[in-house]
């Protein structure tokens, strides 16, 4: 499984300012499928042909016109099942785009129940399914917007994504375990994490510690870690490091000739070798390699 590719793609989406991507895949009958997973959720629309789509070891046979939703972090691969191959549209959406930064209450109410449900790894819709007629036009409009990319298409795209998300949310069983998990997430956790995230984003370039973050929300270090884990599924320091790397990538796009060591300092790393190590962890390559790739893209 190519984790490096998925990580780089996620970071590229997040730093683009619009973490939604449309890919048109034309699979030949002899195509080699690649098992992968990513932070984004994914919608697939089979435009032509047939495909076998594996989601967490469950094989789905999809035909022309079928729609699939694949949840976050679900291992999946796509392979053509007919002699004529398969044409499909894949739209990946980072969950952060659904409501935007800082909307933790709405995320916990409408997004996390879907992402956290281990039994809801995919949704497969045929044209005979009851809700198919609601999904199809929204998905087709979304595809059209990303093909044409007219002025303001991102705004319209968000409206369609929200409508699609509501349809997905309505598919959750009323007694879903994820809803019970969400119900246990205390509103106090949400408020604390929101304040801590705000603190991190304001002070990420400074040498802040776990103690600084926990002090900003008036809790112990261990309770701070528990709040982050329950709400965001990560630790405060992991969030800080990822945020710093994301900001450093933005610097690279803006300041193409700035030394790597200076960029590391801008985002709070006082040790370039440690910055390189953390960058590789989240991006799957070194800062130098990333910059070389970026420069090639700018020149092409």
C-alpha atoms as a PDB file:
ATOM      1  CA  UNK A   1       0.000   0.000   0.000  1.00  0.00           C
ATOM      2  CA  UNK A   2       1.409   3.407  -1.010  1.00  0.00           C
ATOM      3  CA  UNK A   3       1.094   5.432   2.189  1.00  0.00           C
ATOM      4  CA  UNK A   4       3.629   8.035   0.992  1.00  0.00           C
ATOM      5  CA  UNK A   5       1.551   8.900  -2.073  1.00  0.00           C
ATOM      6  CA  UNK A   6      -1.637   9.201  -0.005  1.00  0.00           C
ATOM      7  CA  UNK A   7       0.073  11.394   2.608  1.00  0.00           C
ATOM      8  CA  UNK A   8       1.573  13.698  -0.028  1.00  0.00           C
ATOM      9  CA  UNK A   9      -1.759  13.958  -1.815  1.00  0.00           C
ATOM     10  CA  UNK A  10      -3.536  14.855   1.443  1.00  0.00           C
ATOM     11  CA  UNK A  11      -0.985  17.546   2.303  1.00  0.00           C
ATOM     12  CA  UNK A  12      -1.179  18.952  -1.228  1.00  0.00           C
ATOM     13  CA  UNK A  13      -4.961  19.192  -0.929  1.00  0.00           C
ATOM     14  CA  UNK A  14      -4.816  20.832   2.493  1.00  0.00           C
ATOM     15  CA  UNK A  15      -2.238  23.415   1.421  1.00  0.00           C
ATOM     16  CA  UNK A  16      -4.152  24.241  -1.768  1.00  0.00           C
ATOM     17  CA  UNK A  17      -6.877  25.916   0.260  1.00  0.00           C
ATOM     18  CA  UNK A  18      -9.526  23.784  -1.479  1.00  0.00           C
ATOM     19  CA  UNK A  19      -9.193  20.161  -0.305  1.00  0.00           C
ATOM     20  CA  UNK A  20     -11.410  18.587  -2.971  1.00  0.00           C
ATOM     21  CA  UNK A  21     -10.099  16.773  -6.025  1.00  0.00           C
ATOM     22  CA  UNK A  22     -11.674  15.160  -9.087  1.00  0.00           C
ATOM     23  CA  UNK A  23      -9.840  12.378 -10.903  1.00  0.00           C
ATOM     24  CA  UNK A  24     -11.088  10.707 -14.075  1.00  0.00           C
ATOM     25  CA  UNK A  25      -9.821   7.123 -14.190  1.00  0.00           C
ATOM     26  CA  UNK A  26      -9.865   5.104 -17.396  1.00  0.00           C
ATOM     27  CA  UNK A  27      -8.940   1.537 -16.435  1.00  0.00           C
ATOM     28  CA  UNK A  28      -7.890  -0.880 -19.147  1.00  0.00           C
ATOM     29  CA  UNK A  29      -8.620  -4.577 -18.793  1.00  0.00           C
ATOM     30  CA  UNK A  30      -4.982  -5.266 -17.878  1.00  0.00           C
ATOM     31  CA  UNK A  31      -4.620  -2.418 -15.346  1.00  0.00           C
ATOM     32  CA  UNK A  32      -2.824  -3.235 -12.101  1.00  0.00           C
ATOM     33  CA  UNK A  33      -4.934  -2.115  -9.115  1.00  0.00           C
ATOM     34  CA  UNK A  34      -3.238  -0.351  -6.178  1.00  0.00           C
ATOM     35  CA  UNK A  35      -4.466  -0.854  -2.616  1.00  0.00           C
ATOM     36  CA  UNK A  36      -4.589   2.489  -0.846  1.00  0.00           C
ATOM     37  CA  UNK A  37      -6.339   4.516   1.833  1.00  0.00           C
ATOM     38  CA  UNK A  38      -6.399   8.197   2.729  1.00  0.00           C
ATOM     39  CA  UNK A  39      -7.783  10.809   5.117  1.00  0.00           C
ATOM     40  CA  UNK A  40     -10.289  11.955   2.531  1.00  0.00           C
ATOM     41  CA  UNK A  41     -13.712  10.444   1.960  1.00  0.00           C
ATOM     42  CA  UNK A  42     -14.356   9.440  -1.630  1.00  0.00           C
ATOM     43  CA  UNK A  43     -17.274   9.353  -4.036  1.00  0.00           C
ATOM     44  CA  UNK A  44     -17.005   7.185  -7.142  1.00  0.00           C
ATOM     45  CA  UNK A  45     -19.293   7.265 -10.162  1.00  0.00           C
ATOM     46  CA  UNK A  46     -19.000   4.463 -12.721  1.00  0.00           C
ATOM     47  CA  UNK A  47     -19.538   6.213 -16.047  1.00  0.00           C
ATOM     48  CA  UNK A  48     -18.884   3.233 -18.302  1.00  0.00           C
ATOM     49  CA  UNK A  49     -17.993  -0.445 -18.009  1.00  0.00           C
ATOM     50  CA  UNK A  50     -17.751  -2.650 -14.933  1.00  0.00           C
ATOM     51  CA  UNK A  51     -15.412  -2.686 -11.965  1.00  0.00           C
ATOM     52  CA  UNK A  52     -14.600  -4.748  -8.908  1.00  0.00           C
ATOM     53  CA  UNK A  53     -14.052  -2.448  -5.957  1.00  0.00           C
ATOM     54  CA  UNK A  54     -12.605  -3.877  -2.761  1.00  0.00           C
ATOM     55  CA  UNK A  55     -13.329  -2.034   0.495  1.00  0.00           C
ATOM     56  CA  UNK A  56     -11.781  -3.513   3.629  1.00  0.00           C
ATOM     57  CA  UNK A  57     -11.676  -6.958   1.986  1.00  0.00           C
ATOM     58  CA  UNK A  58     -15.314  -6.791   0.825  1.00  0.00           C
ATOM     59  CA  UNK A  59     -15.596  -7.175  -2.971  1.00  0.00           C
ATOM     60  CA  UNK A  60     -18.246  -5.034  -4.662  1.00  0.00           C
ATOM     61  CA  UNK A  61     -19.266  -5.503  -8.287  1.00  0.00           C
ATOM     62  CA  UNK A  62     -20.090  -2.109  -9.749  1.00  0.00           C
ATOM     63  CA  UNK A  63     -21.723  -1.442 -13.104  1.00  0.00           C
ATOM     64  CA  UNK A  64     -22.234   1.594 -15.312  1.00  0.00           C
ATOM     65  CA  UNK A  65     -24.227   4.206 -13.400  1.00  0.00           C
ATOM     66  CA  UNK A  66     -23.392   2.878  -9.932  1.00  0.00           C
ATOM     67  CA  UNK A  67     -22.331   5.276  -7.150  1.00  0.00           C
ATOM     68  CA  UNK A  68     -20.027   4.436  -4.249  1.00  0.00           C
ATOM     69  CA  UNK A  69     -19.121   6.302  -1.104  1.00  0.00           C
ATOM     70  CA  UNK A  70     -15.879   5.157   0.590  1.00  0.00           C
ATOM     71  CA  UNK A  71     -15.257   6.311   4.130  1.00  0.00           C
ATOM     72  CA  UNK A  72     -12.074   7.824   5.545  1.00  0.00           C
ATOM     73  CA  UNK A  73      -9.093   5.468   6.079  1.00  0.00           C
ATOM     74  CA  UNK A  74     -10.807   2.519   4.393  1.00  0.00           C
ATOM     75  CA  UNK A  75      -8.360   0.363   2.414  1.00  0.00           C
ATOM     76  CA  UNK A  76      -9.680   0.029  -1.117  1.00  0.00           C
ATOM     77  CA  UNK A  77      -8.696  -0.756  -4.673  1.00  0.00           C
ATOM     78  CA  UNK A  78     -10.413  -0.592  -8.049  1.00  0.00           C
ATOM     79  CA  UNK A  79     -10.002  -3.153 -10.828  1.00  0.00           C
ATOM     80  CA  UNK A  80     -11.868  -3.449 -14.152  1.00  0.00           C
ATOM     81  CA  UNK A  81     -14.024  -6.570 -14.385  1.00  0.00           C
ATOM     82  CA  UNK A  82     -15.014  -6.455 -18.055  1.00  0.00           C
ATOM     83  CA  UNK A  83     -12.975  -6.922 -21.220  1.00  0.00           C
ATOM     84  CA  UNK A  84     -13.584  -3.291 -22.228  1.00  0.00           C
ATOM     85  CA  UNK A  85     -12.206  -1.754 -19.043  1.00  0.00           C
ATOM     86  CA  UNK A  86     -13.936   0.890 -16.959  1.00  0.00           C
ATOM     87  CA  UNK A  87     -14.309   4.666 -16.870  1.00  0.00           C
ATOM     88  CA  UNK A  88     -15.052   6.227 -13.504  1.00  0.00           C
ATOM     89  CA  UNK A  89     -14.990   9.573 -11.744  1.00  0.00           C
ATOM     90  CA  UNK A  90     -13.420   9.768  -8.274  1.00  0.00           C
ATOM     91  CA  UNK A  91     -14.036  12.783  -6.061  1.00  0.00           C
ATOM     92  CA  UNK A  92     -12.026  12.922  -2.838  1.00  0.00           C
ATOM     93  CA  UNK A  93     -13.029  15.383  -0.124  1.00  0.00           C
ATOM     94  CA  UNK A  94     -11.062  16.114   3.010  1.00  0.00           C
ATOM     95  CA  UNK A  95     -13.517  16.136   5.958  1.00  0.00           C
ATOM     96  CA  UNK A  96     -12.183  19.513   7.102  1.00  0.00           C
ATOM     97  CA  UNK A  97     -13.846  21.107   4.054  1.00  0.00           C
ATOM     98  CA  UNK A  98     -17.358  20.037   5.003  1.00  0.00           C
ATOM     99  CA  UNK A  99     -17.809  22.640   7.730  1.00  0.00           C
ATOM    100  CA  UNK A 100     -14.475  24.431   7.812  1.00  0.00           C
ATOM    101  CA  UNK A 101     -12.020  25.250  10.553  1.00  0.00           C
ATOM    102  CA  UNK A 102     -13.357  25.682  14.066  1.00  0.00           C
ATOM    103  CA  UNK A 103     -16.827  24.163  13.622  1.00  0.00           C
ATOM    104  CA  UNK A 104     -16.194  21.403  16.157  1.00  0.00           C
ATOM    105  CA  UNK A 105     -19.793  21.228  17.380  1.00  0.00           C
ATOM    106  CA  UNK A 106     -21.102  20.601  13.871  1.00  0.00           C
ATOM    107  CA  UNK A 107     -18.255  18.193  13.124  1.00  0.00           C
ATOM    108  CA  UNK A 108     -19.084  16.146  16.206  1.00  0.00           C
ATOM    109  CA  UNK A 109     -22.780  16.166  15.366  1.00  0.00           C
ATOM    110  CA  UNK A 110     -22.678  15.402  11.644  1.00  0.00           C
ATOM    111  CA  UNK A 111     -19.171  14.426  10.495  1.00  0.00           C
ATOM    112  CA  UNK A 112     -17.589  12.316  13.234  1.00  0.00           C
ATOM    113  CA  UNK A 113     -20.518   9.886  13.478  1.00  0.00           C
ATOM    114  CA  UNK A 114     -19.811   8.832   9.902  1.00  0.00           C
ATOM    115  CA  UNK A 115     -16.005   8.864  10.094  1.00  0.00           C
ATOM    116  CA  UNK A 116     -15.937   6.971  13.406  1.00  0.00           C
ATOM    117  CA  UNK A 117     -18.344   4.202  12.415  1.00  0.00           C
ATOM    118  CA  UNK A 118     -16.195   1.141  11.696  1.00  0.00           C
ATOM    119  CA  UNK A 119     -19.270  -0.625  10.271  1.00  0.00           C
ATOM    120  CA  UNK A 120     -19.906   2.155   7.761  1.00  0.00           C
ATOM    121  CA  UNK A 121     -16.859   1.688   5.538  1.00  0.00           C
ATOM    122  CA  UNK A 122     -18.727   2.128   2.252  1.00  0.00           C
ATOM    123  CA  UNK A 123     -22.096   2.727   0.610  1.00  0.00           C
ATOM    124  CA  UNK A 124     -22.939   1.174  -2.771  1.00  0.00           C
ATOM    125  CA  UNK A 125     -25.900   2.605  -4.684  1.00  0.00           C
ATOM    126  CA  UNK A 126     -27.530   1.079  -7.781  1.00  0.00           C
ATOM    127  CA  UNK A 127     -29.975   2.930 -10.019  1.00  0.00           C
ATOM    128  CA  UNK A 128     -32.804   0.910  -8.512  1.00  0.00           C
ATOM    129  CA  UNK A 129     -32.031   2.072  -4.948  1.00  0.00           C
ATOM    130  CA  UNK A 130     -34.530   4.436  -3.359  1.00  0.00           C
ATOM    131  CA  UNK A 131     -32.091   7.318  -2.754  1.00  0.00           C
ATOM    132  CA  UNK A 132     -30.186   6.935  -6.022  1.00  0.00           C
ATOM    133  CA  UNK A 133     -32.197   9.691  -7.741  1.00  0.00           C
ATOM    134  CA  UNK A 134     -31.132  12.115  -4.995  1.00  0.00           C
ATOM    135  CA  UNK A 135     -27.429  11.228  -5.115  1.00  0.00           C
ATOM    136  CA  UNK A 136     -26.979  11.163  -8.902  1.00  0.00           C
ATOM    137  CA  UNK A 137     -27.785  14.796  -9.874  1.00  0.00           C
ATOM    138  CA  UNK A 138     -25.735  16.168  -6.973  1.00  0.00           C
ATOM    139  CA  UNK A 139     -22.744  14.078  -7.985  1.00  0.00           C
ATOM    140  CA  UNK A 140     -23.138  14.972 -11.656  1.00  0.00           C
ATOM    141  CA  UNK A 141     -23.305  18.680 -10.818  1.00  0.00           C
ATOM    142  CA  UNK A 142     -20.172  18.302  -8.689  1.00  0.00           C
ATOM    143  CA  UNK A 143     -18.305  16.567 -11.514  1.00  0.00           C
ATOM    144  CA  UNK A 144     -19.383  19.220 -14.008  1.00  0.00           C
ATOM    145  CA  UNK A 145     -18.216  22.036 -11.724  1.00  0.00           C
ATOM    146  CA  UNK A 146     -14.744  20.514 -11.402  1.00  0.00           C
ATOM    147  CA  UNK A 147     -14.451  19.928 -15.128  1.00  0.00           C
ATOM    148  CA  UNK A 148     -15.434  23.490 -16.049  1.00  0.00           C
ATOM    149  CA  UNK A 149     -14.004  25.341 -13.002  1.00  0.00           C
ATOM    150  CA  UNK A 150     -15.896  28.535 -13.693  1.00  0.00           C
ATOM    151  CA  UNK A 151     -15.600  31.496 -11.311  1.00  0.00           C
ATOM    152  CA  UNK A 152     -17.008  30.606  -7.901  1.00  0.00           C
ATOM    153  CA  UNK A 153     -17.262  26.889  -8.598  1.00  0.00           C
ATOM    154  CA  UNK A 154     -15.857  26.090  -5.138  1.00  0.00           C
ATOM    155  CA  UNK A 155     -18.839  27.783  -3.476  1.00  0.00           C
ATOM    156  CA  UNK A 156     -21.349  25.789  -5.500  1.00  0.00           C
ATOM    157  CA  UNK A 157     -19.312  22.624  -4.961  1.00  0.00           C
ATOM    158  CA  UNK A 158     -19.531  23.058  -1.205  1.00  0.00           C
ATOM    159  CA  UNK A 159     -23.309  23.331  -1.390  1.00  0.00           C
ATOM    160  CA  UNK A 160     -23.528  20.047  -3.316  1.00  0.00           C
ATOM    161  CA  UNK A 161     -21.087  18.346  -0.951  1.00  0.00           C
ATOM    162  CA  UNK A 162     -23.169  19.397   2.054  1.00  0.00           C
ATOM    163  CA  UNK A 163     -26.282  17.953   0.418  1.00  0.00           C
ATOM    164  CA  UNK A 164     -24.465  14.714  -0.372  1.00  0.00           C
ATOM    165  CA  UNK A 165     -23.212  14.567   3.208  1.00  0.00           C
ATOM    166  CA  UNK A 166     -26.757  14.944   4.525  1.00  0.00           C
ATOM    167  CA  UNK A 167     -27.812  11.977   2.368  1.00  0.00           C
ATOM    168  CA  UNK A 168     -24.912   9.927   3.746  1.00  0.00           C
ATOM    169  CA  UNK A 169     -25.733  10.986   7.301  1.00  0.00           C
ATOM    170  CA  UNK A 170     -29.352   9.904   6.824  1.00  0.00           C
ATOM    171  CA  UNK A 171     -28.082   6.420   5.946  1.00  0.00           C
ATOM    172  CA  UNK A 172     -26.588   5.917   9.412  1.00  0.00           C
ATOM    173  CA  UNK A 173     -28.667   3.518  11.514  1.00  0.00           C
ATOM    174  CA  UNK A 174     -30.433   5.342  14.363  1.00  0.00           C
ATOM    175  CA  UNK A 175     -28.742   3.031  16.870  1.00  0.00           C
ATOM    176  CA  UNK A 176     -25.356   3.237  15.211  1.00  0.00           C
ATOM    177  CA  UNK A 177     -22.434   2.717  17.551  1.00  0.00           C
ATOM    178  CA  UNK A 178     -20.848   5.870  16.155  1.00  0.00           C
ATOM    179  CA  UNK A 179     -23.795   7.949  17.314  1.00  0.00           C
ATOM    180  CA  UNK A 180     -23.360   6.530  20.789  1.00  0.00           C
ATOM    181  CA  UNK A 181     -19.665   7.391  20.659  1.00  0.00           C
ATOM    182  CA  UNK A 182     -20.491  10.915  19.575  1.00  0.00           C
ATOM    183  CA  UNK A 183     -23.064  11.274  22.324  1.00  0.00           C
ATOM    184  CA  UNK A 184     -20.335  10.553  24.859  1.00  0.00           C
ATOM    185  CA  UNK A 185     -18.096  13.313  23.538  1.00  0.00           C
ATOM    186  CA  UNK A 186     -18.661  15.988  26.130  1.00  0.00           C
ATOM    187  CA  UNK A 187     -19.316  19.510  24.944  1.00  0.00           C
ATOM    188  CA  UNK A 188     -16.601  20.524  27.390  1.00  0.00           C
ATOM    189  CA  UNK A 189     -14.083  18.523  25.355  1.00  0.00           C
ATOM    190  CA  UNK A 190     -15.136  20.339  22.199  1.00  0.00           C
ATOM    191  CA  UNK A 191     -14.774  23.759  23.766  1.00  0.00           C
ATOM    192  CA  UNK A 192     -11.391  22.922  25.280  1.00  0.00           C
ATOM    193  CA  UNK A 193      -9.980  21.590  22.034  1.00  0.00           C
ATOM    194  CA  UNK A 194     -11.317  24.561  20.101  1.00  0.00           C
ATOM    195  CA  UNK A 195      -9.460  26.907  22.467  1.00  0.00           C
ATOM    196  CA  UNK A 196      -6.296  24.793  22.331  1.00  0.00           C
ATOM    197  CA  UNK A 197      -6.349  24.681  18.528  1.00  0.00           C
ATOM    198  CA  UNK A 198      -6.739  28.451  18.438  1.00  0.00           C
ATOM    199  CA  UNK A 199      -3.752  28.777  20.790  1.00  0.00           C
ATOM    200  CA  UNK A 200      -1.637  26.471  18.607  1.00  0.00           C
ATOM    201  CA  UNK A 201      -2.509  28.339  15.418  1.00  0.00           C
ATOM    202  CA  UNK A 202      -1.612  31.669  17.007  1.00  0.00           C
ATOM    203  CA  UNK A 203       1.668  30.485  18.555  1.00  0.00           C
ATOM    204  CA  UNK A 204       2.858  27.602  16.331  1.00  0.00           C
ATOM    205  CA  UNK A 205       6.007  29.491  15.327  1.00  0.00           C
ATOM    206  CA  UNK A 206       7.038  29.800  18.967  1.00  0.00           C
ATOM    207  CA  UNK A 207       8.732  27.037  21.034  1.00  0.00           C
ATOM    208  CA  UNK A 208       5.460  25.923  22.686  1.00  0.00           C
ATOM    209  CA  UNK A 209       5.207  22.710  24.693  1.00  0.00           C
ATOM    210  CA  UNK A 210       2.449  20.343  25.773  1.00  0.00           C
ATOM    211  CA  UNK A 211       2.402  22.192  29.097  1.00  0.00           C
ATOM    212  CA  UNK A 212       1.835  25.512  27.296  1.00  0.00           C
ATOM    213  CA  UNK A 213      -1.078  24.003  25.366  1.00  0.00           C
ATOM    214  CA  UNK A 214      -2.663  22.433  28.451  1.00  0.00           C
ATOM    215  CA  UNK A 215      -2.203  25.653  30.433  1.00  0.00           C
ATOM    216  CA  UNK A 216      -4.024  27.574  27.691  1.00  0.00           C
ATOM    217  CA  UNK A 217      -7.181  25.580  28.495  1.00  0.00           C
ATOM    218  CA  UNK A 218      -6.538  25.232  32.258  1.00  0.00           C
ATOM    219  CA  UNK A 219      -6.262  21.423  32.409  1.00  0.00           C
ATOM    220  CA  UNK A 220      -3.474  18.943  33.162  1.00  0.00           C
ATOM    221  CA  UNK A 221      -1.261  17.646  30.375  1.00  0.00           C
ATOM    222  CA  UNK A 222      -2.831  14.184  30.540  1.00  0.00           C
ATOM    223  CA  UNK A 223      -6.383  15.587  30.391  1.00  0.00           C
ATOM    224  CA  UNK A 224      -5.375  17.799  27.470  1.00  0.00           C
ATOM    225  CA  UNK A 225      -4.154  14.712  25.607  1.00  0.00           C
ATOM    226  CA  UNK A 226      -7.382  12.854  26.374  1.00  0.00           C
ATOM    227  CA  UNK A 227      -9.493  15.754  25.113  1.00  0.00           C
ATOM    228  CA  UNK A 228      -7.588  15.847  21.816  1.00  0.00           C
ATOM    229  CA  UNK A 229      -7.762  12.081  21.436  1.00  0.00           C
ATOM    230  CA  UNK A 230     -11.508  11.946  22.075  1.00  0.00           C
ATOM    231  CA  UNK A 231     -12.285  14.901  19.824  1.00  0.00           C
ATOM    232  CA  UNK A 232      -9.717  14.896  17.007  1.00  0.00           C
ATOM    233  CA  UNK A 233      -8.222  11.404  17.288  1.00  0.00           C
ATOM    234  CA  UNK A 234      -4.698  12.745  17.696  1.00  0.00           C
ATOM    235  CA  UNK A 235      -2.429  14.262  20.369  1.00  0.00           C
ATOM    236  CA  UNK A 236      -1.817  17.994  20.898  1.00  0.00           C
ATOM    237  CA  UNK A 237       1.825  17.674  19.850  1.00  0.00           C
ATOM    238  CA  UNK A 238       0.922  15.615  16.780  1.00  0.00           C
ATOM    239  CA  UNK A 239      -1.572  18.325  15.815  1.00  0.00           C
ATOM    240  CA  UNK A 240       1.072  21.014  16.391  1.00  0.00           C
ATOM    241  CA  UNK A 241       3.666  19.204  14.261  1.00  0.00           C
ATOM    242  CA  UNK A 242       1.237  18.587  11.418  1.00  0.00           C
ATOM    243  CA  UNK A 243       0.110  22.204  11.498  1.00  0.00           C
ATOM    244  CA  UNK A 244       3.716  23.417  11.388  1.00  0.00           C
ATOM    245  CA  UNK A 245       4.500  21.192   8.402  1.00  0.00           C
ATOM    246  CA  UNK A 246       1.372  22.387   6.586  1.00  0.00           C
ATOM    247  CA  UNK A 247       2.408  25.993   7.191  1.00  0.00           C
ATOM    248  CA  UNK A 248       5.949  25.264   5.996  1.00  0.00           C
ATOM    249  CA  UNK A 249       4.575  23.862   2.733  1.00  0.00           C
ATOM    250  CA  UNK A 250       2.625  27.087   2.270  1.00  0.00           C
ATOM    251  CA  UNK A 251       5.894  29.005   2.757  1.00  0.00           C
ATOM    252  CA  UNK A 252       7.556  26.870   0.077  1.00  0.00           C
ATOM    253  CA  UNK A 253       4.827  27.767  -2.388  1.00  0.00           C
ATOM    254  CA  UNK A 254       5.147  31.481  -1.611  1.00  0.00           C
ATOM    255  CA  UNK A 255       8.929  31.721  -1.135  1.00  0.00           C
ATOM    256  CA  UNK A 256      10.385  29.350  -3.687  1.00  0.00           C
ATOM    257  CA  UNK A 257      14.022  30.352  -3.029  1.00  0.00           C
ATOM    258  CA  UNK A 258      13.969  30.657   0.760  1.00  0.00           C
ATOM    259  CA  UNK A 259      16.494  28.313   2.445  1.00  0.00           C
ATOM    260  CA  UNK A 260      14.936  25.212   3.991  1.00  0.00           C
ATOM    261  CA  UNK A 261      16.592  26.002   7.319  1.00  0.00           C
ATOM    262  CA  UNK A 262      14.920  29.426   7.414  1.00  0.00           C
ATOM    263  CA  UNK A 263      11.511  28.004   6.567  1.00  0.00           C
ATOM    264  CA  UNK A 264      11.964  25.482   9.385  1.00  0.00           C
ATOM    265  CA  UNK A 265      12.640  28.381  11.750  1.00  0.00           C
ATOM    266  CA  UNK A 266       9.630  30.347  10.498  1.00  0.00           C
ATOM    267  CA  UNK A 267       7.279  27.541  11.577  1.00  0.00           C
ATOM    268  CA  UNK A 268       8.813  26.801  14.963  1.00  0.00           C
ATOM    269  CA  UNK A 269      11.578  24.247  14.341  1.00  0.00           C
ATOM    270  CA  UNK A 270      14.952  25.271  15.744  1.00  0.00           C
ATOM    271  CA  UNK A 271      16.597  22.113  14.421  1.00  0.00           C
ATOM    272  CA  UNK A 272      16.640  21.536  10.659  1.00  0.00           C
ATOM    273  CA  UNK A 273      17.349  17.814  10.891  1.00  0.00           C
ATOM    274  CA  UNK A 274      14.325  17.345  13.168  1.00  0.00           C
ATOM    275  CA  UNK A 275      12.226  19.398  10.748  1.00  0.00           C
ATOM    276  CA  UNK A 276      13.369  17.113   7.931  1.00  0.00           C
ATOM    277  CA  UNK A 277      12.368  14.061   9.974  1.00  0.00           C
ATOM    278  CA  UNK A 278       8.888  15.397  10.799  1.00  0.00           C
ATOM    279  CA  UNK A 279       8.394  16.623   7.215  1.00  0.00           C
ATOM    280  CA  UNK A 280       9.189  13.160   5.871  1.00  0.00           C
ATOM    281  CA  UNK A 281       6.740  11.614   8.336  1.00  0.00           C
ATOM    282  CA  UNK A 282       3.816  13.692   7.100  1.00  0.00           C
ATOM    283  CA  UNK A 283       4.788  14.270   3.460  1.00  0.00           C
ATOM    284  CA  UNK A 284       6.579  11.021   2.629  1.00  0.00           C
ATOM    285  CA  UNK A 285       9.681  12.811   1.314  1.00  0.00           C
ATOM    286  CA  UNK A 286      12.294  15.329   2.427  1.00  0.00           C
ATOM    287  CA  UNK A 287      11.694  19.104   2.172  1.00  0.00           C
ATOM    288  CA  UNK A 288      14.399  19.292  -0.511  1.00  0.00           C
ATOM    289  CA  UNK A 289      12.728  16.611  -2.624  1.00  0.00           C
ATOM    290  CA  UNK A 290       9.357  18.287  -2.200  1.00  0.00           C
ATOM    291  CA  UNK A 291      10.790  21.633  -3.293  1.00  0.00           C
ATOM    292  CA  UNK A 292      12.447  20.080  -6.355  1.00  0.00           C
ATOM    293  CA  UNK A 293       9.120  18.562  -7.371  1.00  0.00           C
ATOM    294  CA  UNK A 294       7.380  21.889  -6.738  1.00  0.00           C
ATOM    295  CA  UNK A 295       9.908  23.777  -8.873  1.00  0.00           C
ATOM    296  CA  UNK A 296       9.431  21.321 -11.738  1.00  0.00           C
ATOM    297  CA  UNK A 297       5.671  21.842 -11.559  1.00  0.00           C
ATOM    298  CA  UNK A 298       6.127  25.631 -11.622  1.00  0.00           C
ATOM    299  CA  UNK A 299       8.404  25.423 -14.661  1.00  0.00           C
ATOM    300  CA  UNK A 300       6.193  23.015 -16.610  1.00  0.00           C
END
